[in-house]
Amino acid sequence: MPPAFRALPVFLRICADIDQLFVVEVGPFGRQLAEDARVAWLATGNKTKPSDVEGYVALLARHVADAERRDAFTSEARACIHV
């Protein structure tokens, strides 16, 4: 069984806020994309610093095809990362 990696609770709350921004950006299917991204993100190790959440934002951002919209989403999502 692979190890179970975790994120600090504050980072999970931040990710939930970012997920909401993502769903607004890409539509209802964004919920599934966000769930898949969260699983992939957590599979890479424990999340203990704010820069780890930026990696999650990058995973989501790659699903926004338009560069201008992707940059706007990334900017808004990074604004959520404050600890």
PDB file of N, CA and C in Angstrom:
ATOM      1  N   MET A   1       0.852  -1.179   0.000  1.00  0.00           N
ATOM      2  CA  MET A   1       0.000   0.000   0.000  1.00  0.00           C
ATOM      3  C   MET A   1       0.900   1.246   0.000  1.00  0.00           C
ATOM      4  N   PRO A   2       0.656   2.175  -0.929  1.00  0.00           N
ATOM      5  CA  PRO A   2       1.477   3.380  -0.976  1.00  0.00           C
ATOM      6  C   PRO A   2       1.245   4.239   0.267  1.00  0.00           C
ATOM      7  N   PRO A   3       2.253   5.029   0.638  1.00  0.00           N
ATOM      8  CA  PRO A   3       2.087   5.870   1.826  1.00  0.00           C
ATOM      9  C   PRO A   3       0.970   6.898   1.629  1.00  0.00           C
ATOM     10  N   ALA A   4       0.317   7.227   2.722  1.00  0.00           N
ATOM     11  CA  ALA A   4      -0.756   8.231   2.673  1.00  0.00           C
ATOM     12  C   ALA A   4      -0.146   9.582   3.021  1.00  0.00           C
ATOM     13  N   PHE A   5      -0.096  10.454   2.058  1.00  0.00           N
ATOM     14  CA  PHE A   5       0.442  11.788   2.286  1.00  0.00           C
ATOM     15  C   PHE A   5      -0.680  12.718   2.711  1.00  0.00           C
ATOM     16  N   ARG A   6      -0.304  13.750   3.439  1.00  0.00           N
ATOM     17  CA  ARG A   6      -1.293  14.680   3.971  1.00  0.00           C
ATOM     18  C   ARG A   6      -0.881  16.113   3.707  1.00  0.00           C
ATOM     19  N   ALA A   7      -1.868  16.974   3.833  1.00  0.00           N
ATOM     20  CA  ALA A   7      -1.641  18.418   3.754  1.00  0.00           C
ATOM     21  C   ALA A   7      -2.131  19.033   5.056  1.00  0.00           C
ATOM     22  N   LEU A   8      -1.507  20.122   5.452  1.00  0.00           N
ATOM     23  CA  LEU A   8      -1.976  20.839   6.624  1.00  0.00           C
ATOM     24  C   LEU A   8      -3.432  21.257   6.402  1.00  0.00           C
ATOM     25  N   PRO A   9      -4.264  21.205   7.441  1.00  0.00           N
ATOM     26  CA  PRO A   9      -5.679  21.573   7.283  1.00  0.00           C
ATOM     27  C   PRO A   9      -5.885  22.954   6.672  1.00  0.00           C
ATOM     28  N   VAL A  10      -5.060  23.913   7.026  1.00  0.00           N
ATOM     29  CA  VAL A  10      -5.206  25.254   6.460  1.00  0.00           C
ATOM     30  C   VAL A  10      -5.011  25.217   4.941  1.00  0.00           C
ATOM     31  N   PHE A  11      -4.103  24.372   4.461  1.00  0.00           N
ATOM     32  CA  PHE A  11      -3.882  24.271   3.019  1.00  0.00           C
ATOM     33  C   PHE A  11      -5.064  23.604   2.328  1.00  0.00           C
ATOM     34  N   LEU A  12      -5.701  22.657   2.989  1.00  0.00           N
ATOM     35  CA  LEU A  12      -6.888  22.025   2.405  1.00  0.00           C
ATOM     36  C   LEU A  12      -8.037  23.024   2.292  1.00  0.00           C
ATOM     37  N   ARG A  13      -8.170  23.906   3.277  1.00  0.00           N
ATOM     38  CA  ARG A  13      -9.203  24.951   3.194  1.00  0.00           C
ATOM     39  C   ARG A  13      -8.889  25.921   2.059  1.00  0.00           C
ATOM     40  N   ILE A  14      -7.623  26.270   1.910  1.00  0.00           N
ATOM     41  CA  ILE A  14      -7.227  27.158   0.809  1.00  0.00           C
ATOM     42  C   ILE A  14      -7.520  26.476  -0.528  1.00  0.00           C
ATOM     43  N   CYS A  15      -7.217  25.204  -0.630  1.00  0.00           N
ATOM     44  CA  CYS A  15      -7.482  24.463  -1.874  1.00  0.00           C
ATOM     45  C   CYS A  15      -8.977  24.425  -2.185  1.00  0.00           C
ATOM     46  N   ALA A  16      -9.807  24.317  -1.169  1.00  0.00           N
ATOM     47  CA  ALA A  16     -11.260  24.328  -1.387  1.00  0.00           C
ATOM     48  C   ALA A  16     -11.697  25.667  -1.972  1.00  0.00           C
ATOM     49  N   ASP A  17     -11.119  26.762  -1.485  1.00  0.00           N
ATOM     50  CA  ASP A  17     -11.422  28.083  -2.056  1.00  0.00           C
ATOM     51  C   ASP A  17     -10.950  28.171  -3.500  1.00  0.00           C
ATOM     52  N   ILE A  18      -9.773  27.644  -3.753  1.00  0.00           N
ATOM     53  CA  ILE A  18      -9.226  27.648  -5.118  1.00  0.00           C
ATOM     54  C   ILE A  18     -10.098  26.791  -6.030  1.00  0.00           C
ATOM     55  N   ASP A  19     -10.593  25.677  -5.515  1.00  0.00           N
ATOM     56  CA  ASP A  19     -11.486  24.824  -6.304  1.00  0.00           C
ATOM     57  C   ASP A  19     -12.714  25.602  -6.771  1.00  0.00           C
ATOM     58  N   GLN A  20     -13.263  26.437  -5.897  1.00  0.00           N
ATOM     59  CA  GLN A  20     -14.439  27.232  -6.264  1.00  0.00           C
ATOM     60  C   GLN A  20     -14.111  28.189  -7.410  1.00  0.00           C
ATOM     61  N   LEU A  21     -12.956  28.830  -7.329  1.00  0.00           N
ATOM     62  CA  LEU A  21     -12.523  29.710  -8.427  1.00  0.00           C
ATOM     63  C   LEU A  21     -12.385  28.914  -9.720  1.00  0.00           C
ATOM     64  N   PHE A  22     -11.843  27.724  -9.610  1.00  0.00           N
ATOM     65  CA  PHE A  22     -11.617  26.880 -10.774  1.00  0.00           C
ATOM     66  C   PHE A  22     -12.931  26.475 -11.428  1.00  0.00           C
ATOM     67  N   VAL A  23     -13.904  26.082 -10.625  1.00  0.00           N
ATOM     68  CA  VAL A  23     -15.207  25.676 -11.163  1.00  0.00           C
ATOM     69  C   VAL A  23     -15.874  26.851 -11.867  1.00  0.00           C
ATOM     70  N   VAL A  24     -15.758  28.031 -11.323  1.00  0.00           N
ATOM     71  CA  VAL A  24     -16.311  29.222 -11.987  1.00  0.00           C
ATOM     72  C   VAL A  24     -15.625  29.414 -13.339  1.00  0.00           C
ATOM     73  N   GLU A  25     -14.339  29.157 -13.386  1.00  0.00           N
ATOM     74  CA  GLU A  25     -13.567  29.368 -14.620  1.00  0.00           C
ATOM     75  C   GLU A  25     -13.879  28.337 -15.698  1.00  0.00           C
ATOM     76  N   VAL A  26     -13.956  27.060 -15.323  1.00  0.00           N
ATOM     77  CA  VAL A  26     -14.082  26.018 -16.347  1.00  0.00           C
ATOM     78  C   VAL A  26     -15.456  25.357 -16.409  1.00  0.00           C
ATOM     79  N   GLY A  27     -16.318  25.623 -15.448  1.00  0.00           N
ATOM     80  CA  GLY A  27     -17.652  25.045 -15.461  1.00  0.00           C
ATOM     81  C   GLY A  27     -17.771  23.855 -14.529  1.00  0.00           C
ATOM     82  N   PRO A  28     -18.953  23.232 -14.505  1.00  0.00           N
ATOM     83  CA  PRO A  28     -19.258  22.164 -13.553  1.00  0.00           C
ATOM     84  C   PRO A  28     -18.294  20.976 -13.592  1.00  0.00           C
ATOM     85  N   PHE A  29     -17.765  20.673 -14.765  1.00  0.00           N
ATOM     86  CA  PHE A  29     -16.825  19.545 -14.860  1.00  0.00           C
ATOM     87  C   PHE A  29     -15.549  19.844 -14.078  1.00  0.00           C
ATOM     88  N   GLY A  30     -15.349  21.107 -13.735  1.00  0.00           N
ATOM     89  CA  GLY A  30     -14.184  21.492 -12.947  1.00  0.00           C
ATOM     90  C   GLY A  30     -14.123  20.805 -11.601  1.00  0.00           C
ATOM     91  N   ARG A  31     -15.269  20.427 -11.058  1.00  0.00           N
ATOM     92  CA  ARG A  31     -15.276  19.725  -9.767  1.00  0.00           C
ATOM     93  C   ARG A  31     -14.518  18.400  -9.874  1.00  0.00           C
ATOM     94  N   GLN A  32     -14.791  17.656 -10.925  1.00  0.00           N
ATOM     95  CA  GLN A  32     -14.092  16.381 -11.107  1.00  0.00           C
ATOM     96  C   GLN A  32     -12.613  16.609 -11.392  1.00  0.00           C
ATOM     97  N   LEU A  33     -12.318  17.603 -12.222  1.00  0.00           N
ATOM     98  CA  LEU A  33     -10.913  17.910 -12.510  1.00  0.00           C
ATOM     99  C   LEU A  33     -10.174  18.294 -11.233  1.00  0.00           C
ATOM    100  N   ALA A  34     -10.831  19.063 -10.374  1.00  0.00           N
ATOM    101  CA  ALA A  34     -10.210  19.480  -9.110  1.00  0.00           C
ATOM    102  C   ALA A  34      -9.990  18.271  -8.193  1.00  0.00           C
ATOM    103  N   GLU A  35     -10.951  17.372  -8.137  1.00  0.00           N
ATOM    104  CA  GLU A  35     -10.784  16.162  -7.319  1.00  0.00           C
ATOM    105  C   GLU A  35      -9.597  15.341  -7.810  1.00  0.00           C
ATOM    106  N   ASP A  36      -9.509  15.177  -9.123  1.00  0.00           N
ATOM    107  CA  ASP A  36      -8.400  14.422  -9.703  1.00  0.00           C
ATOM    108  C   ASP A  36      -7.065  15.118  -9.426  1.00  0.00           C
ATOM    109  N   ALA A  37      -7.048  16.439  -9.554  1.00  0.00           N
ATOM    110  CA  ALA A  37      -5.825  17.196  -9.294  1.00  0.00           C
ATOM    111  C   ALA A  37      -5.422  17.073  -7.833  1.00  0.00           C
ATOM    112  N   ARG A  38      -6.391  17.095  -6.936  1.00  0.00           N
ATOM    113  CA  ARG A  38      -6.084  16.987  -5.502  1.00  0.00           C
ATOM    114  C   ARG A  38      -5.432  15.641  -5.203  1.00  0.00           C
ATOM    115  N   VAL A  39      -5.965  14.569  -5.775  1.00  0.00           N
ATOM    116  CA  VAL A  39      -5.392  13.231  -5.567  1.00  0.00           C
ATOM    117  C   VAL A  39      -3.949  13.199  -6.091  1.00  0.00           C
ATOM    118  N   ALA A  40      -3.735  13.717  -7.290  1.00  0.00           N
ATOM    119  CA  ALA A  40      -2.388  13.736  -7.875  1.00  0.00           C
ATOM    120  C   ALA A  40      -1.440  14.593  -7.039  1.00  0.00           C
ATOM    121  N   TRP A  41      -1.938  15.725  -6.567  1.00  0.00           N
ATOM    122  CA  TRP A  41      -1.134  16.646  -5.759  1.00  0.00           C
ATOM    123  C   TRP A  41      -0.702  15.989  -4.453  1.00  0.00           C
ATOM    124  N   LEU A  42      -1.639  15.354  -3.763  1.00  0.00           N
ATOM    125  CA  LEU A  42      -1.319  14.711  -2.492  1.00  0.00           C
ATOM    126  C   LEU A  42      -0.411  13.495  -2.674  1.00  0.00           C
ATOM    127  N   ALA A  43      -0.480  12.855  -3.816  1.00  0.00           N
ATOM    128  CA  ALA A  43       0.329  11.665  -4.071  1.00  0.00           C
ATOM    129  C   ALA A  43       1.823  11.978  -4.153  1.00  0.00           C
ATOM    130  N   THR A  44       2.166  13.257  -4.271  1.00  0.00           N
ATOM    131  CA  THR A  44       3.579  13.620  -4.426  1.00  0.00           C
ATOM    132  C   THR A  44       4.279  13.908  -3.104  1.00  0.00           C
ATOM    133  N   GLY A  45       3.577  13.818  -1.991  1.00  0.00           N
ATOM    134  CA  GLY A  45       4.229  14.013  -0.692  1.00  0.00           C
ATOM    135  C   GLY A  45       3.418  14.909   0.223  1.00  0.00           C
ATOM    136  N   ASN A  46       3.865  15.010   1.466  1.00  0.00           N
ATOM    137  CA  ASN A  46       3.192  15.858   2.444  1.00  0.00           C
ATOM    138  C   ASN A  46       3.294  17.327   2.033  1.00  0.00           C
ATOM    139  N   LYS A  47       2.232  18.068   2.293  1.00  0.00           N
ATOM    140  CA  LYS A  47       2.166  19.493   1.933  1.00  0.00           C
ATOM    141  C   LYS A  47       2.276  20.312   3.216  1.00  0.00           C
ATOM    142  N   THR A  48       3.426  20.966   3.394  1.00  0.00           N
ATOM    143  CA  THR A  48       3.714  21.656   4.645  1.00  0.00           C
ATOM    144  C   THR A  48       4.073  23.122   4.488  1.00  0.00           C
ATOM    145  N   LYS A  49       4.123  23.615   3.252  1.00  0.00           N
ATOM    146  CA  LYS A  49       4.470  25.024   3.057  1.00  0.00           C
ATOM    147  C   LYS A  49       3.603  25.641   1.967  1.00  0.00           C
ATOM    148  N   PRO A  50       3.424  26.957   2.012  1.00  0.00           N
ATOM    149  CA  PRO A  50       2.544  27.615   1.038  1.00  0.00           C
ATOM    150  C   PRO A  50       2.918  27.346  -0.416  1.00  0.00           C
ATOM    151  N   SER A  51       4.187  27.187  -0.697  1.00  0.00           N
ATOM    152  CA  SER A  51       4.581  26.930  -2.085  1.00  0.00           C
ATOM    153  C   SER A  51       4.027  25.598  -2.585  1.00  0.00           C
ATOM    154  N   ASP A  52       3.721  24.690  -1.673  1.00  0.00           N
ATOM    155  CA  ASP A  52       3.096  23.428  -2.088  1.00  0.00           C
ATOM    156  C   ASP A  52       1.726  23.685  -2.715  1.00  0.00           C
ATOM    157  N   VAL A  53       1.006  24.668  -2.189  1.00  0.00           N
ATOM    158  CA  VAL A  53      -0.319  24.994  -2.727  1.00  0.00           C
ATOM    159  C   VAL A  53      -0.173  25.595  -4.124  1.00  0.00           C
ATOM    160  N   GLU A  54       0.912  26.304  -4.374  1.00  0.00           N
ATOM    161  CA  GLU A  54       1.149  26.833  -5.720  1.00  0.00           C
ATOM    162  C   GLU A  54       1.273  25.702  -6.731  1.00  0.00           C
ATOM    163  N   GLY A  55       1.806  24.572  -6.298  1.00  0.00           N
ATOM    164  CA  GLY A  55       1.862  23.398  -7.174  1.00  0.00           C
ATOM    165  C   GLY A  55       0.474  22.898  -7.521  1.00  0.00           C
ATOM    166  N   TYR A  56      -0.436  22.979  -6.564  1.00  0.00           N
ATOM    167  CA  TYR A  56      -1.819  22.590  -6.812  1.00  0.00           C
ATOM    168  C   TYR A  56      -2.458  23.542  -7.822  1.00  0.00           C
ATOM    169  N   VAL A  57      -2.205  24.816  -7.664  1.00  0.00           N
ATOM    170  CA  VAL A  57      -2.727  25.815  -8.611  1.00  0.00           C
ATOM    171  C   VAL A  57      -2.218  25.497 -10.019  1.00  0.00           C
ATOM    172  N   ALA A  58      -0.961  25.141 -10.135  1.00  0.00           N
ATOM    173  CA  ALA A  58      -0.386  24.818 -11.453  1.00  0.00           C
ATOM    174  C   ALA A  58      -1.074  23.601 -12.071  1.00  0.00           C
ATOM    175  N   LEU A  59      -1.394  22.601 -11.245  1.00  0.00           N
ATOM    176  CA  LEU A  59      -2.099  21.425 -11.765  1.00  0.00           C
ATOM    177  C   LEU A  59      -3.463  21.805 -12.335  1.00  0.00           C
ATOM    178  N   LEU A  60      -4.164  22.674 -11.634  1.00  0.00           N
ATOM    179  CA  LEU A  60      -5.474  23.108 -12.120  1.00  0.00           C
ATOM    180  C   LEU A  60      -5.343  23.999 -13.346  1.00  0.00           C
ATOM    181  N   ALA A  61      -4.402  24.912 -13.311  1.00  0.00           N
ATOM    182  CA  ALA A  61      -4.265  25.906 -14.384  1.00  0.00           C
ATOM    183  C   ALA A  61      -4.029  25.271 -15.747  1.00  0.00           C
ATOM    184  N   ARG A  62      -3.420  24.121 -15.780  1.00  0.00           N
ATOM    185  CA  ARG A  62      -3.150  23.507 -17.086  1.00  0.00           C
ATOM    186  C   ARG A  62      -4.435  23.086 -17.804  1.00  0.00           C
ATOM    187  N   HIS A  63      -5.571  23.091 -17.093  1.00  0.00           N
ATOM    188  CA  HIS A  63      -6.859  22.755 -17.708  1.00  0.00           C
ATOM    189  C   HIS A  63      -7.568  23.983 -18.276  1.00  0.00           C
ATOM    190  N   VAL A  64      -6.995  25.159 -18.123  1.00  0.00           N
ATOM    191  CA  VAL A  64      -7.573  26.389 -18.674  1.00  0.00           C
ATOM    192  C   VAL A  64      -6.826  26.678 -19.969  1.00  0.00           C
ATOM    193  N   ALA A  65      -7.497  26.468 -21.100  1.00  0.00           N
ATOM    194  CA  ALA A  65      -6.836  26.530 -22.400  1.00  0.00           C
ATOM    195  C   ALA A  65      -6.393  27.936 -22.794  1.00  0.00           C
ATOM    196  N   ASP A  66      -7.224  28.923 -22.555  1.00  0.00           N
ATOM    197  CA  ASP A  66      -6.919  30.294 -22.952  1.00  0.00           C
ATOM    198  C   ASP A  66      -5.852  30.876 -22.021  1.00  0.00           C
ATOM    199  N   ALA A  67      -4.760  31.347 -22.585  1.00  0.00           N
ATOM    200  CA  ALA A  67      -3.630  31.842 -21.792  1.00  0.00           C
ATOM    201  C   ALA A  67      -4.016  33.023 -20.907  1.00  0.00           C
ATOM    202  N   GLU A  68      -4.814  33.926 -21.421  1.00  0.00           N
ATOM    203  CA  GLU A  68      -5.211  35.094 -20.631  1.00  0.00           C
ATOM    204  C   GLU A  68      -6.090  34.671 -19.445  1.00  0.00           C
ATOM    205  N   ARG A  69      -7.022  33.789 -19.699  1.00  0.00           N
ATOM    206  CA  ARG A  69      -7.887  33.296 -18.617  1.00  0.00           C
ATOM    207  C   ARG A  69      -7.095  32.461 -17.612  1.00  0.00           C
ATOM    208  N   ARG A  70      -6.127  31.682 -18.125  1.00  0.00           N
ATOM    209  CA  ARG A  70      -5.278  30.885 -17.241  1.00  0.00           C
ATOM    210  C   ARG A  70      -4.471  31.791 -16.306  1.00  0.00           C
ATOM    211  N   ASP A  71      -3.906  32.867 -16.875  1.00  0.00           N
ATOM    212  CA  ASP A  71      -3.144  33.812 -16.057  1.00  0.00           C
ATOM    213  C   ASP A  71      -4.032  34.477 -15.010  1.00  0.00           C
ATOM    214  N   ALA A  72      -5.263  34.814 -15.398  1.00  0.00           N
ATOM    215  CA  ALA A  72      -6.194  35.446 -14.454  1.00  0.00           C
ATOM    216  C   ALA A  72      -6.547  34.466 -13.333  1.00  0.00           C
ATOM    217  N   PHE A  73      -6.827  33.212 -13.700  1.00  0.00           N
ATOM    218  CA  PHE A  73      -7.136  32.201 -12.682  1.00  0.00           C
ATOM    219  C   PHE A  73      -5.947  32.019 -11.745  1.00  0.00           C
ATOM    220  N   THR A  74      -4.765  31.881 -12.299  1.00  0.00           N
ATOM    221  CA  THR A  74      -3.572  31.675 -11.481  1.00  0.00           C
ATOM    222  C   THR A  74      -3.360  32.835 -10.518  1.00  0.00           C
ATOM    223  N   SER A  75      -3.560  34.037 -10.999  1.00  0.00           N
ATOM    224  CA  SER A  75      -3.401  35.209 -10.152  1.00  0.00           C
ATOM    225  C   SER A  75      -4.410  35.227  -9.011  1.00  0.00           C
ATOM    226  N   GLU A  76      -5.671  34.947  -9.324  1.00  0.00           N
ATOM    227  CA  GLU A  76      -6.714  34.902  -8.301  1.00  0.00           C
ATOM    228  C   GLU A  76      -6.454  33.775  -7.300  1.00  0.00           C
ATOM    229  N   ALA A  77      -6.050  32.636  -7.805  1.00  0.00           N
ATOM    230  CA  ALA A  77      -5.801  31.485  -6.928  1.00  0.00           C
ATOM    231  C   ALA A  77      -4.628  31.750  -5.996  1.00  0.00           C
ATOM    232  N   ARG A  78      -3.587  32.358  -6.512  1.00  0.00           N
ATOM    233  CA  ARG A  78      -2.431  32.663  -5.664  1.00  0.00           C
ATOM    234  C   ARG A  78      -2.777  33.683  -4.596  1.00  0.00           C
ATOM    235  N   ALA A  79      -3.733  34.535  -4.879  1.00  0.00           N
ATOM    236  CA  ALA A  79      -4.176  35.524  -3.876  1.00  0.00           C
ATOM    237  C   ALA A  79      -4.850  34.822  -2.688  1.00  0.00           C
ATOM    238  N   CYS A  80      -5.335  33.613  -2.891  1.00  0.00           N
ATOM    239  CA  CYS A  80      -5.951  32.835  -1.810  1.00  0.00           C
ATOM    240  C   CYS A  80      -4.910  32.266  -0.844  1.00  0.00           C
ATOM    241  N   ILE A  81      -3.680  32.198  -1.298  1.00  0.00           N
ATOM    242  CA  ILE A  81      -2.624  31.554  -0.501  1.00  0.00           C
ATOM    243  C   ILE A  81      -2.023  32.578   0.446  1.00  0.00           C
ATOM    244  N   HIS A  82      -2.588  32.651   1.610  1.00  0.00           N
ATOM    245  CA  HIS A  82      -2.058  33.543   2.643  1.00  0.00           C
ATOM    246  C   HIS A  82      -2.151  32.834   3.979  1.00  0.00           C
ATOM    247  N   VAL A  83      -1.018  32.637   4.580  1.00  0.00           N
ATOM    248  CA  VAL A  83      -0.969  31.956   5.889  1.00  0.00           C
ATOM    249  C   VAL A  83      -0.165  32.772   6.874  1.00  0.00           C
TER     250      VAL A  83
END
